[in-house]
C-alpha atoms as a PDB file:
ATOM      1  CA  MET A   1     -78.510  11.122  -4.323  1.00  0.00           C
ATOM      2  CA  ALA A   2     -80.684  12.986  -6.801  1.00  0.00           C
ATOM      3  CA  VAL A   3     -78.979  15.143  -9.399  1.00  0.00           C
ATOM      4  CA  PRO A   4     -80.640  18.504 -10.041  1.00  0.00           C
ATOM      5  CA  VAL A   5     -82.277  18.938 -13.406  1.00  0.00           C
ATOM      6  CA  ALA A   6     -80.501  22.270 -13.790  1.00  0.00           C
ATOM      7  CA  SER A   7     -77.222  20.403 -14.353  1.00  0.00           C
ATOM      8  CA  ILE A   8     -78.344  19.019 -17.723  1.00  0.00           C
ATOM      9  CA  PRO A   9     -75.415  19.640 -20.079  1.00  0.00           C
ATOM     10  CA  THR A  10     -75.505  21.908 -23.091  1.00  0.00           C
ATOM     11  CA  PRO A  11     -74.682  20.402 -26.501  1.00  0.00           C
ATOM     12  CA  THR A  12     -71.038  19.795 -27.299  1.00  0.00           C
ATOM     13  CA  THR A  13     -69.507  20.634 -30.643  1.00  0.00           C
ATOM     14  CA  ALA A  14     -68.935  16.990 -31.561  1.00  0.00           C
ATOM     15  CA  ALA A  15     -72.472  15.938 -30.777  1.00  0.00           C
ATOM     16  CA  THR A  16     -74.120  18.664 -32.833  1.00  0.00           C
ATOM     17  CA  VAL A  17     -72.980  17.199 -36.145  1.00  0.00           C
ATOM     18  CA  VAL A  18     -76.094  16.716 -38.263  1.00  0.00           C
ATOM     19  CA  ALA A  19     -76.855  13.101 -39.105  1.00  0.00           C
ATOM     20  CA  SER A  20     -77.954  12.239 -42.629  1.00  0.00           C
ATOM     21  CA  ASN A  21     -80.876  10.403 -41.010  1.00  0.00           C
ATOM     22  CA  PRO A  22     -82.187  12.796 -38.339  1.00  0.00           C
ATOM     23  CA  VAL A  23     -84.758  10.419 -36.852  1.00  0.00           C
ATOM     24  CA  ALA A  24     -83.436   9.286 -33.479  1.00  0.00           C
ATOM     25  CA  ARG A  25     -84.193   5.740 -32.420  1.00  0.00           C
ATOM     26  CA  PRO A  26     -82.652   3.125 -30.111  1.00  0.00           C
ATOM     27  CA  PHE A  27     -79.023   2.256 -30.827  1.00  0.00           C
ATOM     28  CA  LEU A  28     -79.163  -0.889 -28.671  1.00  0.00           C
ATOM     29  CA  LYS A  29     -81.173  -4.063 -29.081  1.00  0.00           C
ATOM     30  CA  TRP A  30     -82.969  -4.575 -25.780  1.00  0.00           C
ATOM     31  CA  ALA A  31     -85.121  -7.354 -24.387  1.00  0.00           C
ATOM     32  CA  GLY A  32     -88.519  -5.892 -23.607  1.00  0.00           C
ATOM     33  CA  GLY A  33     -87.884  -2.857 -25.802  1.00  0.00           C
ATOM     34  CA  LYS A  34     -91.015  -0.876 -26.629  1.00  0.00           C
ATOM     35  CA  GLY A  35     -90.320   0.025 -30.265  1.00  0.00           C
ATOM     36  CA  ARG A  36     -93.072  -2.223 -31.633  1.00  0.00           C
ATOM     37  CA  LEU A  37     -95.631  -1.042 -29.088  1.00  0.00           C
ATOM     38  CA  LEU A  38     -95.350   2.703 -29.631  1.00  0.00           C
ATOM     39  CA  SER A  39     -98.399   2.878 -31.890  1.00  0.00           C
ATOM     40  CA  GLN A  40    -100.507   1.343 -29.092  1.00  0.00           C
ATOM     41  CA  TYR A  41     -98.927   3.621 -26.479  1.00  0.00           C
ATOM     42  CA  GLU A  42     -99.347   6.784 -28.549  1.00  0.00           C
ATOM     43  CA  PRO A  43    -102.938   7.610 -27.479  1.00  0.00           C
ATOM     44  CA  PHE A  44    -101.762   7.753 -23.852  1.00  0.00           C
ATOM     45  CA  PHE A  45     -98.661   9.903 -24.308  1.00  0.00           C
ATOM     46  CA  PRO A  46     -98.872  13.610 -23.460  1.00  0.00           C
ATOM     47  CA  THR A  47     -98.608  15.937 -26.435  1.00  0.00           C
ATOM     48  CA  SER A  48     -95.903  17.888 -24.608  1.00  0.00           C
ATOM     49  CA  CYS A  49     -94.165  18.028 -21.251  1.00  0.00           C
ATOM     50  CA  HIS A  50     -91.519  20.072 -19.507  1.00  0.00           C
ATOM     51  CA  THR A  51     -89.284  17.285 -18.161  1.00  0.00           C
ATOM     52  CA  TYR A  52     -89.482  13.632 -19.106  1.00  0.00           C
ATOM     53  CA  TYR A  53     -88.298  11.069 -16.541  1.00  0.00           C
ATOM     54  CA  GLU A  54     -87.486   7.446 -17.285  1.00  0.00           C
ATOM     55  CA  PRO A  55     -85.800   5.577 -14.391  1.00  0.00           C
ATOM     56  CA  PHE A  56     -85.575   2.244 -16.311  1.00  0.00           C
ATOM     57  CA  VAL A  57     -84.230   3.567 -19.601  1.00  0.00           C
ATOM     58  CA  GLY A  58     -83.147   0.259 -21.173  1.00  0.00           C
ATOM     59  CA  GLY A  59     -83.078   0.706 -24.942  1.00  0.00           C
ATOM     60  CA  GLY A  60     -84.781   4.094 -24.696  1.00  0.00           C
ATOM     61  CA  ALA A  61     -87.486   3.550 -27.347  1.00  0.00           C
ATOM     62  CA  VAL A  62     -90.061   5.707 -25.562  1.00  0.00           C
ATOM     63  CA  PHE A  63     -87.573   8.514 -24.924  1.00  0.00           C
ATOM     64  CA  PHE A  64     -86.474   8.651 -28.556  1.00  0.00           C
ATOM     65  CA  HIS A  65     -90.104   8.598 -29.654  1.00  0.00           C
ATOM     66  CA  LEU A  66     -91.014  11.522 -27.395  1.00  0.00           C
ATOM     67  CA  ALA A  67     -87.748  13.469 -27.654  1.00  0.00           C
ATOM     68  CA  ASN A  68     -89.154  16.247 -29.818  1.00  0.00           C
ATOM     69  CA  ARG A  69     -92.047  16.820 -27.409  1.00  0.00           C
ATOM     70  CA  VAL A  70     -89.975  17.360 -24.276  1.00  0.00           C
ATOM     71  CA  GLN A  71     -87.816  20.275 -23.214  1.00  0.00           C
ATOM     72  CA  ARG A  72     -85.462  18.129 -21.174  1.00  0.00           C
ATOM     73  CA  ALA A  73     -85.152  14.586 -19.851  1.00  0.00           C
ATOM     74  CA  VAL A  74     -83.731  12.666 -16.924  1.00  0.00           C
ATOM     75  CA  LEU A  75     -82.830   9.123 -17.964  1.00  0.00           C
ATOM     76  CA  GLY A  76     -81.709   6.636 -15.349  1.00  0.00           C
ATOM     77  CA  ASP A  77     -80.838   3.025 -14.793  1.00  0.00           C
ATOM     78  CA  ILE A  78     -79.275   0.928 -12.057  1.00  0.00           C
ATOM     79  CA  ASN A  79     -76.927  -0.730 -14.554  1.00  0.00           C
ATOM     80  CA  PRO A  80     -73.682   1.333 -14.528  1.00  0.00           C
ATOM     81  CA  GLU A  81     -72.474  -0.036 -17.862  1.00  0.00           C
ATOM     82  CA  LEU A  82     -75.687   0.985 -19.612  1.00  0.00           C
ATOM     83  CA  VAL A  83     -75.497   4.468 -18.093  1.00  0.00           C
ATOM     84  CA  ASN A  84     -71.880   4.716 -19.256  1.00  0.00           C
ATOM     85  CA  VAL A  85     -72.891   3.873 -22.835  1.00  0.00           C
ATOM     86  CA  TYR A  86     -75.557   6.572 -22.945  1.00  0.00           C
ATOM     87  CA  ARG A  87     -73.119   9.176 -21.660  1.00  0.00           C
ATOM     88  CA  TRP A  88     -70.544   8.329 -24.333  1.00  0.00           C
ATOM     89  CA  VAL A  89     -73.149   8.406 -27.098  1.00  0.00           C
ATOM     90  CA  ARG A  90     -74.239  11.823 -25.840  1.00  0.00           C
ATOM     91  CA  ASP A  91     -70.842  13.360 -25.161  1.00  0.00           C
ATOM     92  CA  ALA A  92     -68.296  11.759 -27.500  1.00  0.00           C
ATOM     93  CA  PRO A  93     -69.931   9.787 -30.330  1.00  0.00           C
ATOM     94  CA  ARG A  94     -66.957  10.232 -32.663  1.00  0.00           C
ATOM     95  CA  ALA A  95     -64.521   8.585 -30.242  1.00  0.00           C
ATOM     96  CA  LEU A  96     -67.030   5.824 -29.574  1.00  0.00           C
ATOM     97  CA  MET A  97     -67.492   5.118 -33.280  1.00  0.00           C
ATOM     98  CA  ALA A  98     -63.735   4.815 -33.774  1.00  0.00           C
ATOM     99  CA  LYS A  99     -63.696   2.039 -31.167  1.00  0.00           C
ATOM    100  CA  LEU A 100     -66.710   0.357 -32.750  1.00  0.00           C
ATOM    101  CA  GLU A 101     -65.064   0.404 -36.184  1.00  0.00           C
ATOM    102  CA  HIS A 102     -62.123  -1.455 -34.653  1.00  0.00           C
ATOM    103  CA  HIS A 103     -64.472  -4.108 -33.267  1.00  0.00           C
ATOM    104  CA  LYS A 104     -66.221  -4.314 -36.624  1.00  0.00           C
ATOM    105  CA  ARG A 105     -62.975  -5.013 -38.481  1.00  0.00           C
ATOM    106  CA  HIS A 106     -61.961  -7.790 -36.097  1.00  0.00           C
ATOM    107  CA  HIS A 107     -65.330  -9.423 -35.454  1.00  0.00           C
ATOM    108  CA  SER A 108     -65.411 -13.224 -35.388  1.00  0.00           C
ATOM    109  CA  PRO A 109     -66.671 -15.785 -32.851  1.00  0.00           C
ATOM    110  CA  ASP A 110     -63.199 -16.041 -31.306  1.00  0.00           C
ATOM    111  CA  TYR A 111     -62.874 -12.261 -31.113  1.00  0.00           C
ATOM    112  CA  TYR A 112     -66.345 -12.024 -29.554  1.00  0.00           C
ATOM    113  CA  TYR A 113     -65.428 -14.344 -26.693  1.00  0.00           C
ATOM    114  CA  HIS A 114     -62.104 -12.559 -26.241  1.00  0.00           C
ATOM    115  CA  ILE A 115     -63.952  -9.261 -25.780  1.00  0.00           C
ATOM    116  CA  ARG A 116     -66.693 -10.821 -23.677  1.00  0.00           C
ATOM    117  CA  GLN A 117     -64.216 -12.032 -21.057  1.00  0.00           C
ATOM    118  CA  GLN A 118     -62.837  -8.496 -20.561  1.00  0.00           C
ATOM    119  CA  HIS A 119     -65.130  -7.770 -17.639  1.00  0.00           C
ATOM    120  CA  HIS A 120     -63.016  -5.091 -15.953  1.00  0.00           C
ATOM    121  CA  LEU A 121     -61.734  -2.727 -18.625  1.00  0.00           C
ATOM    122  CA  PRO A 122     -60.321   0.367 -16.889  1.00  0.00           C
ATOM    123  CA  LEU A 123     -61.352   2.976 -19.486  1.00  0.00           C
ATOM    124  CA  PRO A 124     -65.032   3.993 -19.661  1.00  0.00           C
ATOM    125  CA  LEU A 125     -64.801   4.492 -23.437  1.00  0.00           C
ATOM    126  CA  ASP A 126     -63.581   0.936 -23.945  1.00  0.00           C
ATOM    127  CA  ARG A 127     -66.398  -0.382 -21.757  1.00  0.00           C
ATOM    128  CA  ALA A 128     -69.008   1.564 -23.720  1.00  0.00           C
ATOM    129  CA  ALA A 129     -67.731   0.252 -27.065  1.00  0.00           C
ATOM    130  CA  ARG A 130     -67.561  -3.268 -25.639  1.00  0.00           C
ATOM    131  CA  LEU A 131     -71.195  -3.201 -24.532  1.00  0.00           C
ATOM    132  CA  ILE A 132     -72.455  -1.981 -27.907  1.00  0.00           C
ATOM    133  CA  TYR A 133     -70.282  -4.486 -29.775  1.00  0.00           C
ATOM    134  CA  LEU A 134     -71.492  -7.409 -27.645  1.00  0.00           C
ATOM    135  CA  ASN A 135     -75.095  -6.201 -27.877  1.00  0.00           C
ATOM    136  CA  LYS A 136     -74.957  -6.132 -31.663  1.00  0.00           C
ATOM    137  CA  THR A 137     -73.279  -9.516 -32.036  1.00  0.00           C
ATOM    138  CA  CYS A 138     -74.608 -11.633 -29.157  1.00  0.00           C
ATOM    139  CA  TYR A 139     -77.388 -14.198 -29.402  1.00  0.00           C
ATOM    140  CA  ASN A 140     -80.794 -12.601 -29.987  1.00  0.00           C
ATOM    141  CA  GLY A 141     -79.584  -9.150 -28.909  1.00  0.00           C
ATOM    142  CA  LEU A 142     -80.049 -10.217 -25.296  1.00  0.00           C
ATOM    143  CA  TYR A 143     -78.421  -8.257 -22.476  1.00  0.00           C
ATOM    144  CA  ARG A 144     -77.950 -10.481 -19.445  1.00  0.00           C
ATOM    145  CA  GLU A 145     -75.610 -10.417 -16.462  1.00  0.00           C
ATOM    146  CA  ASN A 146     -74.747 -13.144 -13.976  1.00  0.00           C
ATOM    147  CA  SER A 147     -74.627 -12.616 -10.216  1.00  0.00           C
ATOM    148  CA  GLN A 148     -71.125 -11.115 -10.497  1.00  0.00           C
ATOM    149  CA  GLY A 149     -72.319  -8.506 -12.981  1.00  0.00           C
ATOM    150  CA  GLN A 150     -70.601 -10.226 -15.923  1.00  0.00           C
ATOM    151  CA  PHE A 151     -72.147 -10.309 -19.387  1.00  0.00           C
ATOM    152  CA  ASN A 152     -72.675 -13.999 -20.229  1.00  0.00           C
ATOM    153  CA  VAL A 153     -74.611 -14.291 -23.519  1.00  0.00           C
ATOM    154  CA  PRO A 154     -73.138 -16.482 -26.309  1.00  0.00           C
ATOM    155  CA  VAL A 155     -72.285 -15.137 -29.742  1.00  0.00           C
ATOM    156  CA  GLY A 156     -75.097 -14.815 -32.273  1.00  0.00           C
ATOM    157  CA  ARG A 157     -75.206 -16.004 -35.857  1.00  0.00           C
ATOM    158  CA  TYR A 158     -75.168 -12.870 -37.983  1.00  0.00           C
ATOM    159  CA  LYS A 159     -73.717 -12.501 -41.468  1.00  0.00           C
ATOM    160  CA  ASN A 160     -73.277  -8.739 -41.236  1.00  0.00           C
ATOM    161  CA  PRO A 161     -74.100  -7.360 -37.758  1.00  0.00           C
ATOM    162  CA  GLY A 162     -74.622  -3.598 -37.557  1.00  0.00           C
ATOM    163  CA  ILE A 163     -71.820  -2.952 -35.105  1.00  0.00           C
ATOM    164  CA  CYS A 164     -71.298   0.711 -36.022  1.00  0.00           C
ATOM    165  CA  ASP A 165     -74.073   2.815 -37.558  1.00  0.00           C
ATOM    166  CA  PRO A 166     -72.833   6.443 -37.689  1.00  0.00           C
ATOM    167  CA  ASP A 167     -76.188   7.947 -38.670  1.00  0.00           C
ATOM    168  CA  LEU A 168     -77.955   6.131 -35.853  1.00  0.00           C
ATOM    169  CA  LEU A 169     -75.407   7.218 -33.248  1.00  0.00           C
ATOM    170  CA  TRP A 170     -75.248  10.849 -34.402  1.00  0.00           C
ATOM    171  CA  ALA A 171     -79.037  11.124 -34.325  1.00  0.00           C
ATOM    172  CA  ALA A 172     -79.192   9.572 -30.849  1.00  0.00           C
ATOM    173  CA  SER A 173     -76.405  11.856 -29.639  1.00  0.00           C
ATOM    174  CA  SER A 174     -78.257  14.910 -30.889  1.00  0.00           C
ATOM    175  CA  VAL A 175     -81.436  14.309 -28.870  1.00  0.00           C
ATOM    176  CA  LEU A 176     -79.483  13.092 -25.834  1.00  0.00           C
ATOM    177  CA  GLN A 177     -78.031  16.593 -25.525  1.00  0.00           C
ATOM    178  CA  ARG A 178     -81.170  17.598 -23.631  1.00  0.00           C
ATOM    179  CA  ALA A 179     -80.903  14.603 -21.273  1.00  0.00           C
ATOM    180  CA  GLN A 180     -79.347  14.162 -17.872  1.00  0.00           C
ATOM    181  CA  ILE A 181     -78.188  10.540 -17.536  1.00  0.00           C
ATOM    182  CA  VAL A 182     -77.944   9.111 -14.029  1.00  0.00           C
ATOM    183  CA  GLU A 183     -77.033   5.829 -12.384  1.00  0.00           C
ATOM    184  CA  THR A 184     -79.596   5.590  -9.631  1.00  0.00           C
ATOM    185  CA  PRO A 185     -82.358   3.330  -8.233  1.00  0.00           C
ATOM    186  CA  PHE A 186     -85.896   4.123  -9.312  1.00  0.00           C
ATOM    187  CA  THR A 187     -86.861   5.258  -5.805  1.00  0.00           C
ATOM    188  CA  GLU A 188     -84.697   8.369  -6.221  1.00  0.00           C
ATOM    189  CA  ILE A 189     -87.263   9.843  -8.587  1.00  0.00           C
ATOM    190  CA  LEU A 190     -89.237  10.889  -5.521  1.00  0.00           C
ATOM    191  CA  GLN A 191     -86.407  13.323  -4.723  1.00  0.00           C
ATOM    192  CA  GLN A 192     -86.730  15.099  -8.060  1.00  0.00           C
ATOM    193  CA  PRO A 193     -88.594  18.440  -8.329  1.00  0.00           C
ATOM    194  CA  LEU A 194     -91.489  17.044 -10.344  1.00  0.00           C
ATOM    195  CA  THR A 195     -94.531  19.098 -11.312  1.00  0.00           C
ATOM    196  CA  PRO A 196     -97.845  18.340 -13.092  1.00  0.00           C
ATOM    197  CA  GLN A 197     -96.165  19.589 -16.288  1.00  0.00           C
ATOM    198  CA  ASP A 198     -93.723  16.647 -16.169  1.00  0.00           C
ATOM    199  CA  PHE A 199     -94.169  13.074 -17.373  1.00  0.00           C
ATOM    200  CA  VAL A 200     -92.762   9.866 -15.864  1.00  0.00           C
ATOM    201  CA  TYR A 201     -92.602   6.553 -17.699  1.00  0.00           C
ATOM    202  CA  LEU A 202     -91.763   3.420 -15.695  1.00  0.00           C
ATOM    203  CA  ASP A 203     -90.744   0.257 -17.543  1.00  0.00           C
ATOM    204  CA  PRO A 204     -89.438  -2.168 -14.905  1.00  0.00           C
ATOM    205  CA  PRO A 205     -88.494  -5.800 -15.449  1.00  0.00           C
ATOM    206  CA  TYR A 206     -91.889  -7.447 -15.828  1.00  0.00           C
ATOM    207  CA  HIS A 207     -93.402  -9.619 -13.145  1.00  0.00           C
ATOM    208  CA  PRO A 208     -93.213 -13.227 -14.432  1.00  0.00           C
ATOM    209  CA  ILE A 209     -96.513 -14.826 -15.383  1.00  0.00           C
ATOM    210  CA  SER A 210     -95.003 -18.300 -15.793  1.00  0.00           C
ATOM    211  CA  ALA A 211     -91.811 -20.174 -14.975  1.00  0.00           C
ATOM    212  CA  THR A 212     -90.486 -19.694 -18.519  1.00  0.00           C
ATOM    213  CA  SER A 213     -91.199 -15.958 -18.601  1.00  0.00           C
ATOM    214  CA  HIS A 214     -89.027 -15.138 -15.589  1.00  0.00           C
ATOM    215  CA  PHE A 215     -86.320 -12.861 -16.945  1.00  0.00           C
ATOM    216  CA  THR A 216     -84.714 -10.225 -14.714  1.00  0.00           C
ATOM    217  CA  GLY A 217     -81.119 -10.541 -15.872  1.00  0.00           C
ATOM    218  CA  TYR A 218     -80.572  -6.992 -17.153  1.00  0.00           C
ATOM    219  CA  SER A 219     -78.361  -6.465 -14.110  1.00  0.00           C
ATOM    220  CA  ARG A 220     -77.004  -8.518 -11.235  1.00  0.00           C
ATOM    221  CA  TYR A 221     -79.626  -7.173  -8.839  1.00  0.00           C
ATOM    222  CA  GLY A 222     -82.804  -8.810 -10.135  1.00  0.00           C
ATOM    223  CA  PHE A 223     -86.314  -7.455  -9.573  1.00  0.00           C
ATOM    224  CA  GLY A 224     -88.689  -9.445  -7.382  1.00  0.00           C
ATOM    225  CA  PRO A 225     -92.188  -9.036  -5.892  1.00  0.00           C
ATOM    226  CA  ALA A 226     -90.941  -6.730  -3.134  1.00  0.00           C
ATOM    227  CA  ASP A 227     -89.443  -4.435  -5.772  1.00  0.00           C
ATOM    228  CA  GLN A 228     -92.749  -4.441  -7.663  1.00  0.00           C
ATOM    229  CA  GLU A 229     -94.575  -3.445  -4.484  1.00  0.00           C
ATOM    230  CA  CYS A 230     -92.075  -0.657  -3.800  1.00  0.00           C
ATOM    231  CA  LEU A 231     -92.478   0.586  -7.374  1.00  0.00           C
ATOM    232  CA  ALA A 232     -96.262   0.670  -6.982  1.00  0.00           C
ATOM    233  CA  GLN A 233     -95.823   2.839  -3.881  1.00  0.00           C
ATOM    234  CA  VAL A 234     -93.601   5.204  -5.864  1.00  0.00           C
ATOM    235  CA  PHE A 235     -96.237   5.328  -8.615  1.00  0.00           C
ATOM    236  CA  ARG A 236     -98.946   6.228  -6.094  1.00  0.00           C
ATOM    237  CA  GLN A 237     -96.846   8.928  -4.443  1.00  0.00           C
ATOM    238  CA  LEU A 238     -96.099  10.540  -7.789  1.00  0.00           C
ATOM    239  CA  ALA A 239     -99.761  10.402  -8.750  1.00  0.00           C
ATOM    240  CA  GLU A 240    -100.739  12.030  -5.458  1.00  0.00           C
ATOM    241  CA  ARG A 241     -98.384  14.895  -6.323  1.00  0.00           C
ATOM    242  CA  GLY A 242    -100.257  15.417  -9.573  1.00  0.00           C
ATOM    243  CA  VAL A 243     -97.477  14.081 -11.795  1.00  0.00           C
ATOM    244  CA  ARG A 244     -98.505  12.271 -14.969  1.00  0.00           C
ATOM    245  CA  VAL A 245     -97.198   8.696 -14.620  1.00  0.00           C
ATOM    246  CA  MET A 246     -97.324   5.760 -17.023  1.00  0.00           C
ATOM    247  CA  LEU A 247     -96.139   2.225 -16.275  1.00  0.00           C
ATOM    248  CA  SER A 248     -95.946  -0.972 -18.323  1.00  0.00           C
ATOM    249  CA  ASN A 249     -95.931  -4.464 -16.825  1.00  0.00           C
ATOM    250  CA  SER A 250     -97.353  -7.965 -17.091  1.00  0.00           C
ATOM    251  CA  ASP A 251    -101.104  -8.413 -17.243  1.00  0.00           C
ATOM    252  CA  CYS A 252    -101.665 -10.580 -14.178  1.00  0.00           C
ATOM    253  CA  GLU A 253    -103.615 -10.511 -10.940  1.00  0.00           C
ATOM    254  CA  PHE A 254    -100.603  -9.465  -8.843  1.00  0.00           C
ATOM    255  CA  ILE A 255     -99.865  -6.349 -10.922  1.00  0.00           C
ATOM    256  CA  ARG A 256    -103.535  -5.446 -11.253  1.00  0.00           C
ATOM    257  CA  SER A 257    -103.927  -5.604  -7.476  1.00  0.00           C
ATOM    258  CA  LEU A 258    -100.933  -3.298  -6.948  1.00  0.00           C
ATOM    259  CA  TYR A 259    -102.400  -0.592  -9.186  1.00  0.00           C
ATOM    260  CA  GLU A 260    -106.059  -0.904  -8.274  1.00  0.00           C
ATOM    261  CA  GLY A 261    -107.828   2.401  -8.805  1.00  0.00           C
ATOM    262  CA  PHE A 262    -105.679   3.557 -11.724  1.00  0.00           C
ATOM    263  CA  SER A 263    -106.516   3.369 -15.420  1.00  0.00           C
ATOM    264  CA  MET A 264    -105.434   0.060 -16.978  1.00  0.00           C
ATOM    265  CA  HIS A 265    -105.125  -0.477 -20.714  1.00  0.00           C
ATOM    266  CA  SER A 266    -104.561  -3.816 -22.444  1.00  0.00           C
ATOM    267  CA  ILE A 267    -101.643  -3.880 -24.900  1.00  0.00           C
ATOM    268  CA  GLN A 268    -101.006  -6.708 -27.336  1.00  0.00           C
ATOM    269  CA  ALA A 269     -97.290  -7.485 -27.410  1.00  0.00           C
ATOM    270  CA  SER A 270     -95.104 -10.133 -28.984  1.00  0.00           C
ATOM    271  CA  ARG A 271     -93.244 -12.454 -26.651  1.00  0.00           C
ATOM    272  CA  MET A 272     -89.738 -12.539 -28.171  1.00  0.00           C
ATOM    273  CA  ILE A 273     -87.575 -14.078 -25.418  1.00  0.00           C
ATOM    274  CA  ASN A 274     -87.982 -17.820 -25.422  1.00  0.00           C
ATOM    275  CA  THR A 275     -85.565 -20.540 -26.465  1.00  0.00           C
ATOM    276  CA  ASN A 276     -88.500 -22.379 -28.028  1.00  0.00           C
ATOM    277  CA  ALA A 277     -89.613 -20.335 -31.050  1.00  0.00           C
ATOM    278  CA  GLN A 278     -93.048 -22.007 -30.957  1.00  0.00           C
ATOM    279  CA  ARG A 279     -93.698 -20.389 -27.573  1.00  0.00           C
ATOM    280  CA  ARG A 280     -93.160 -16.900 -28.948  1.00  0.00           C
ATOM    281  CA  GLY A 281     -96.322 -15.059 -29.864  1.00  0.00           C
ATOM    282  CA  LYS A 282     -98.872 -12.468 -28.797  1.00  0.00           C
ATOM    283  CA  ILE A 283     -99.441 -11.787 -25.142  1.00  0.00           C
ATOM    284  CA  SER A 284    -101.469  -9.207 -23.258  1.00  0.00           C
ATOM    285  CA  GLU A 285     -99.561  -6.603 -21.247  1.00  0.00           C
ATOM    286  CA  LEU A 286    -100.761  -3.736 -19.067  1.00  0.00           C
ATOM    287  CA  LEU A 287    -100.234  -0.042 -19.600  1.00  0.00           C
ATOM    288  CA  ILE A 288    -101.193   1.770 -16.406  1.00  0.00           C
ATOM    289  CA  THR A 289    -101.718   5.533 -16.197  1.00  0.00           C
ATOM    290  CA  SER A 290    -102.388   7.935 -13.370  1.00  0.00           C
ATOM    291  CA  TYR A 291    -104.493  10.200 -15.581  1.00  0.00           C
END
């Protein structure tokens, strides 16, 4: 069910504390994050928009980059634990940081695996702190779930992981005050009251271009060819309504065929997820726009 944009919360007292570093940026490490590609994306971003929509929010790099250009935002994801984290960063960063400081004091490989096995914590605050702690201390900053929805990444080798960064969290909380955060499938965006003054960015799990590039483990649900085809239909329907839409995905024949007729731009990205470091390197991706 779509949530009306009018229900976007007003800033809370706790979240309006001014950070010493006011530049908001992602507070999670995220596979496929767009932080390093923003300079290539910049020519295609609108200079302003009324409401920004991002149904696959992930690490939120594009949202944080555009936050000062938008009046409000609707950020969504199908992963309930990720949505929970964003809501706690927005609404109660002080309480969240207290939990993270506890994790920071106790961090060790044994403590990591103790926390990792706590798959069904009853309190949302504890679950939010757990996700950030595991994200900051797991191998390669990789978020991956098994078929039961359980986080299953081994501990990373970090001398001093940044488990709790108050400035980072306060800055993120500040810009998230203008955001509605929803747990919903991407298809629900068609139910939103979009106008040509709005902007939609779609960053789905990429279509694999080889056997070793197949990674859809952000949630238990996966994202296959049928999902890609459904997403392309959503893209076309939004474009037909005059909404400005941008999508990133693999540069391959399948994706190009789905978005035939739209503007396609080649982006040079670094392939970071591979157990063999020699197979990491530059790869061409697609940035597709309806305008």
